[in-house]
Protein backbone atom coordinates (compact mmCIF):
# COMPACT_ATOMS: atom_id res chain seq x y z
CA MET A 1 84.87 84.68 59.40
CA SER A 2 85.62 85.37 62.80
CA GLU A 3 85.30 81.71 65.61
CA VAL A 4 82.33 82.23 67.77
CA ASN A 5 82.17 80.48 70.58
CA LEU A 6 78.25 79.49 71.31
CA PRO A 7 76.91 77.77 74.39
CA SER A 8 78.03 73.92 74.21
CA LYS A 9 74.26 72.06 74.24
CA GLN A 10 75.76 69.46 76.52
CA ALA A 11 73.52 67.01 78.65
CA ALA A 12 74.94 68.28 81.71
CA GLY A 13 75.42 71.83 80.96
CA VAL A 14 78.93 72.50 80.22
CA PRO A 15 82.19 70.66 81.03
CA VAL A 16 82.56 70.71 84.51
CA THR A 17 85.60 72.61 85.80
CA GLN A 18 86.16 71.43 89.71
CA THR A 19 88.88 73.71 90.44
CA LEU A 20 89.32 77.96 91.05
CA THR A 21 92.87 77.47 89.30
CA ALA A 22 91.33 75.41 86.25
CA ARG A 23 88.14 77.83 86.14
CA ARG A 24 90.84 80.71 86.08
CA ALA A 25 92.91 79.26 83.33
CA ALA A 26 89.90 78.39 81.59
CA PHE A 27 88.64 82.19 81.68
CA ARG A 28 91.45 83.31 80.25
CA LYS A 29 91.72 81.16 78.10
CA LEU A 30 88.79 81.97 76.40
CA HIS A 31 89.98 85.62 75.85
CA GLU A 32 92.83 84.71 73.32
CA ARG A 33 90.30 83.76 70.37
CA GLY A 34 86.88 83.82 68.94
CA CYS A 35 84.16 85.36 71.06
CA PHE A 36 82.58 84.29 73.29
CA VAL A 37 78.79 85.06 75.44
CA MET A 38 79.10 86.09 79.20
CA PRO A 39 75.50 86.40 80.01
CA ASN A 40 74.92 88.10 84.05
CA PRO A 41 72.88 86.51 86.89
CA TRP A 42 71.49 88.18 89.53
CA ASP A 43 70.99 85.46 92.15
CA VAL A 44 71.86 81.64 92.14
CA GLY A 45 68.98 80.07 90.45
CA SER A 46 69.53 82.31 87.39
CA ALA A 47 73.11 81.15 87.82
CA VAL A 48 71.96 77.77 87.72
CA LEU A 49 69.97 78.53 85.02
CA LEU A 50 72.12 79.86 82.81
CA GLN A 51 74.96 77.42 83.07
CA SER A 52 72.65 74.66 82.02
CA LEU A 53 71.96 76.13 78.96
CA GLY A 54 75.68 75.82 78.04
CA PHE A 55 77.28 79.57 78.51
CA PRO A 56 81.43 79.37 79.57
CA ALA A 57 81.42 81.55 81.70
CA LEU A 58 79.35 84.23 84.07
CA ALA A 59 79.09 87.61 85.22
CA THR A 60 77.83 89.15 88.03
CA THR A 61 75.38 92.25 87.32
CA SER A 62 75.49 95.32 90.22
CA ALA A 63 72.63 96.82 89.18
CA GLY A 64 70.40 93.21 88.88
CA PHE A 65 71.65 92.37 92.55
CA GLY A 66 71.04 95.76 93.90
CA PHE A 67 67.07 95.11 91.83
CA SER A 68 66.34 91.98 94.11
CA ARG A 69 67.51 94.17 97.37
CA GLY A 70 65.15 96.63 96.37
CA LEU A 71 68.04 99.15 95.73
CA PRO A 72 68.82 101.51 92.75
CA ASP A 73 72.25 100.65 90.84
CA SER A 74 75.25 102.65 92.30
CA VAL A 75 78.41 102.29 94.19
CA ARG A 76 77.18 104.39 97.46
CA VAL A 77 73.94 102.60 98.28
CA LEU A 78 75.17 98.60 98.70
CA PRO A 79 78.22 98.11 101.29
CA ARG A 80 81.07 96.23 99.96
CA ASP A 81 80.45 93.84 102.45
CA GLU A 82 77.20 92.78 101.04
CA VAL A 83 78.48 92.33 97.29
CA LEU A 84 81.34 90.36 98.34
CA LYS A 85 79.25 88.00 99.57
CA HIS A 86 76.68 88.00 96.75
CA ILE A 87 79.32 87.40 94.38
CA ALA A 88 80.97 84.61 96.54
CA GLU A 89 77.39 83.00 96.33
CA ILE A 90 77.75 83.06 92.21
CA ALA A 91 80.73 81.99 92.19
CA ALA A 92 80.04 79.31 94.30
CA ALA A 93 76.49 78.34 92.57
CA THR A 94 78.24 76.38 89.47
CA PRO A 95 82.08 75.28 88.01
CA LEU A 96 81.92 77.96 85.77
CA PRO A 97 84.60 80.95 85.86
CA VAL A 98 82.73 84.02 86.92
CA ASN A 99 83.52 87.63 86.57
CA ALA A 100 82.51 90.41 89.17
CA ASP A 101 80.98 93.74 88.00
CA TYR A 102 82.87 95.28 91.02
CA GLN A 103 82.02 98.69 89.85
CA SER A 104 84.52 101.58 91.09
CA GLY A 105 86.33 98.99 93.65
CA TYR A 106 83.98 100.23 96.75
CA ALA A 107 86.68 102.45 97.76
CA ASP A 108 88.02 106.13 97.41
CA THR A 109 91.59 105.69 97.43
CA PRO A 110 93.98 103.54 95.66
CA ASP A 111 94.87 101.49 98.82
CA GLY A 112 91.40 101.01 99.36
CA VAL A 113 90.67 99.80 95.37
CA ALA A 114 93.90 97.46 96.63
CA GLU A 115 91.97 96.01 99.35
CA SER A 116 88.54 95.56 97.56
CA VAL A 117 90.60 93.87 95.02
CA ARG A 118 92.61 91.31 97.13
CA ARG A 119 88.95 90.56 98.59
CA CYS A 120 87.16 90.16 95.62
CA VAL A 121 89.66 87.92 94.85
CA ASP A 122 89.57 85.88 97.71
CA ALA A 123 85.54 85.25 97.33
CA GLY A 124 86.30 83.12 94.29
CA VAL A 125 86.21 85.14 90.99
CA ALA A 126 88.11 84.51 87.64
CA GLY A 127 88.01 87.98 86.81
CA LEU A 128 86.99 91.20 87.94
CA SER A 129 86.01 94.78 86.47
CA ILE A 130 87.12 98.34 87.68
CA GLU A 131 85.04 101.40 86.35
CA ASP A 132 86.05 105.27 86.48
CA ALA A 133 82.65 105.76 87.56
CA THR A 134 82.77 108.15 90.85
CA GLY A 135 79.14 107.88 92.04
CA ASP A 136 78.87 111.82 91.77
CA PRO A 137 76.67 113.27 89.69
CA HIS A 138 78.70 116.75 89.47
CA GLN A 139 81.90 114.77 89.04
CA PRO A 140 80.93 111.76 87.44
CA LEU A 141 84.16 110.27 86.35
CA PHE A 142 87.28 110.28 87.93
CA GLU A 143 90.05 112.58 86.11
CA LEU A 144 92.45 109.81 83.71
CA PRO A 145 95.42 110.47 86.36
CA GLU A 146 93.47 109.00 89.86
CA ALA A 147 91.90 106.40 87.31
CA LEU A 148 95.23 105.12 86.28
CA ASP A 149 96.12 104.95 89.86
CA ARG A 150 93.10 102.80 91.10
CA LEU A 151 93.59 100.43 87.88
CA ARG A 152 97.39 99.97 88.73
CA ALA A 153 96.19 99.44 92.21
CA ALA A 154 93.93 97.19 91.20
CA ARG A 155 96.73 95.22 88.79
CA ALA A 156 99.05 95.08 92.11
CA ALA A 157 97.17 93.48 94.12
CA ILE A 158 95.93 90.63 91.68
CA ASP A 159 99.44 90.80 90.99
CA ALA A 160 100.89 89.87 94.44
CA ALA A 161 97.92 87.69 95.48
CA GLY A 162 99.62 85.39 92.60
CA ARG A 163 96.51 84.63 91.13
CA ASP A 164 95.41 84.35 87.38
CA VAL A 165 92.57 86.76 87.63
CA VAL A 166 91.50 88.74 84.83
CA LEU A 167 90.98 92.48 85.03
CA THR A 168 88.88 94.24 82.91
CA ALA A 169 88.85 98.13 82.67
CA ARG A 170 85.94 99.97 82.15
CA ALA A 171 85.64 103.39 80.87
CA GLU A 172 81.68 104.77 81.56
CA CYS A 173 81.90 108.26 79.22
CA PHE A 174 78.94 107.07 77.70
CA LEU A 175 77.13 106.02 80.42
CA VAL A 176 77.68 109.20 82.34
CA ASN A 177 76.43 110.98 78.82
CA HIS A 178 80.21 112.46 78.55
CA PRO A 179 79.96 115.17 75.98
CA ASP A 180 82.52 113.19 73.84
CA PRO A 181 82.02 109.79 74.55
CA LEU A 182 83.52 108.04 71.71
CA ARG A 183 86.47 109.60 71.83
CA GLU A 184 86.91 110.37 75.72
CA SER A 185 86.37 106.04 75.66
CA ILE A 186 88.63 105.76 73.16
CA ARG A 187 91.52 107.68 74.83
CA ARG A 188 91.19 106.25 78.49
CA LEU A 189 90.64 102.77 77.27
CA GLN A 190 94.33 102.86 75.68
CA ALA A 191 95.82 104.45 78.54
CA TYR A 192 94.13 101.81 81.03
CA ALA A 193 95.50 98.90 78.39
CA GLU A 194 99.19 100.65 78.88
CA ALA A 195 98.56 100.55 82.84
CA GLY A 196 97.91 96.68 82.86
CA ALA A 197 93.97 96.08 81.94
CA ASP A 198 93.52 92.72 80.33
CA VAL A 199 90.39 93.19 78.79
CA LEU A 200 88.99 96.77 77.95
CA PHE A 201 85.26 97.83 78.21
CA ALA A 202 83.32 101.15 77.29
CA PRO A 203 79.27 99.91 77.86
CA GLY A 204 76.80 101.98 76.48
CA PRO A 205 77.51 102.36 72.66
CA ARG A 206 74.61 100.73 69.89
CA GLU A 207 75.63 102.10 66.69
CA LYS A 208 77.83 99.97 64.94
CA SER A 209 80.47 102.26 63.68
CA ASP A 210 81.07 103.20 67.61
CA ILE A 211 81.73 99.70 68.47
CA GLN A 212 83.85 99.28 65.16
CA SER A 213 85.90 102.63 65.92
CA ILE A 214 86.85 101.44 69.77
CA VAL A 215 87.51 97.61 68.68
CA SER A 216 89.93 99.19 65.98
CA ALA A 217 91.63 101.70 68.62
CA VAL A 218 92.25 99.31 71.21
CA GLY A 219 92.58 95.73 68.72
CA THR A 220 95.83 94.66 71.17
CA LYS A 221 93.85 93.55 74.00
CA PRO A 222 90.45 91.48 74.12
CA VAL A 223 86.97 93.68 73.83
CA ASN A 224 84.19 93.39 76.02
CA VAL A 225 80.64 95.29 74.29
CA LEU A 226 77.84 94.99 76.65
CA VAL A 227 74.52 94.23 74.96
CA SER A 228 71.79 95.46 76.97
CA ALA A 229 69.10 95.76 74.24
CA ASN A 230 68.39 94.60 71.03
CA ILE A 231 70.57 96.93 69.13
CA GLY A 232 70.54 94.89 65.57
CA LEU A 233 73.42 92.93 65.85
CA THR A 234 74.34 89.55 66.38
CA VAL A 235 76.84 87.40 68.59
CA ALA A 236 78.37 86.64 64.88
CA ASP A 237 78.17 89.99 64.05
CA LEU A 238 79.83 91.40 66.57
CA ALA A 239 82.53 88.42 66.30
CA ALA A 240 82.87 89.66 62.95
CA MET A 241 84.20 92.95 64.30
CA GLY A 242 86.77 91.80 66.48
CA VAL A 243 84.68 91.96 69.72
CA ARG A 244 85.91 88.88 72.01
CA ARG A 245 83.19 89.15 75.10
CA ILE A 246 79.83 89.94 75.26
CA SER A 247 77.85 90.78 78.64
CA VAL A 248 74.04 91.61 78.93
CA GLY A 249 74.35 93.63 82.21
CA SER A 250 70.87 93.91 83.73
CA ALA A 251 69.33 92.91 80.59
CA LEU A 252 68.11 89.77 81.84
CA ALA A 253 67.00 90.85 85.45
CA ARG A 254 64.94 93.37 83.87
CA ALA A 255 63.45 90.51 81.24
CA ALA A 256 62.35 88.86 85.02
CA TRP A 257 61.17 92.01 85.68
CA THR A 258 59.30 93.12 82.69
CA GLY A 259 57.00 89.61 83.25
CA PHE A 260 56.81 89.84 86.71
CA ILE A 261 55.76 93.73 86.35
CA ARG A 262 53.52 92.82 84.01
CA ALA A 263 51.77 90.03 85.35
CA SER A 264 51.26 92.09 88.62
CA ARG A 265 50.01 95.18 87.20
CA LEU A 266 47.19 92.92 84.99
CA ILE A 267 46.23 91.52 88.48
CA ALA A 268 46.15 94.65 90.39
CA ALA A 269 44.32 96.74 87.95
CA ASP A 270 41.68 94.35 85.81
CA GLY A 271 41.64 91.26 88.32
CA ASN A 272 43.51 89.63 84.99
CA PHE A 273 45.65 86.89 84.77
CA SER A 274 46.76 86.84 81.66
CA GLY A 275 49.76 87.95 82.47
CA LEU A 276 50.56 83.74 83.34
CA ASP A 277 49.81 82.65 80.15
CA GLY A 278 52.84 80.55 78.96
CA LEU A 279 55.26 80.06 82.04
CA THR A 280 57.48 78.28 82.16
CA SER A 281 56.51 74.95 84.22
CA PHE A 282 56.58 74.15 88.19
CA ALA A 283 58.06 70.76 87.10
CA GLU A 284 60.48 72.36 84.58
CA LEU A 285 61.78 74.89 87.37
CA ASN A 286 62.09 72.29 90.33
CA GLY A 287 63.60 69.81 88.00
CA LEU A 288 66.75 72.28 87.18
CA PHE A 289 66.76 72.53 90.89
CA GLN A 290 66.89 69.11 92.24
CA ARG A 291 70.49 68.66 93.49
């Protein structure tokens, strides 16, 4: 059975990794064997809570961050400087390695992607992802040659900086309703592996057969799977399929929003406070954030 790296139940959450160099080395090592969960906080408080549960690494969520600013998840909406500030805040919030959900690099050209990646590396990340979505509904994916040029620019920027930062390449075919998302995802991920990606990621598939097909086709590199809903598979199930890394995207942020919306609607519509039943206590949260 494949090794599963579940959260470590230790008094202080996880072993403290103090230096950025050590965090980056620890993050790369996580990808060498087994399967680990890398949940996605959307602010400093949620990052601290996830660290306390013993997860070995964290990842930002562009959607969760956008929602917290009252904005949709779109590369065309969030300014790069604001995103970089947020990434730096999450990276500084805990001693854990942090992977940045860096959308399509917040730039239109490969040179622009390279500059964006340099700035993201300087923000203190242990890894970052570059996706091939354009944000244009009329042409939702970069053509493969252009996507490869952008990914190679990201790879070169990381290498030039001399930083051991893990580069994840994302194929967005499932999320943009491509007519043949599985075949096209595999085609793109195989090309991204050749172009220098360390980790391969096609968010969107929920069927076990699709996930297994992706892992089998690109198994020379670690594969990240997004679990954004209860798809009937556990961490152990995904590990047995050869998945190396699991993230949850905006799911935890949406779980928080779900409770907030339900309670608020009950108060607004019925004057009913039953949505406040079973809340985490003030004392528990206040104690968590004691410095």
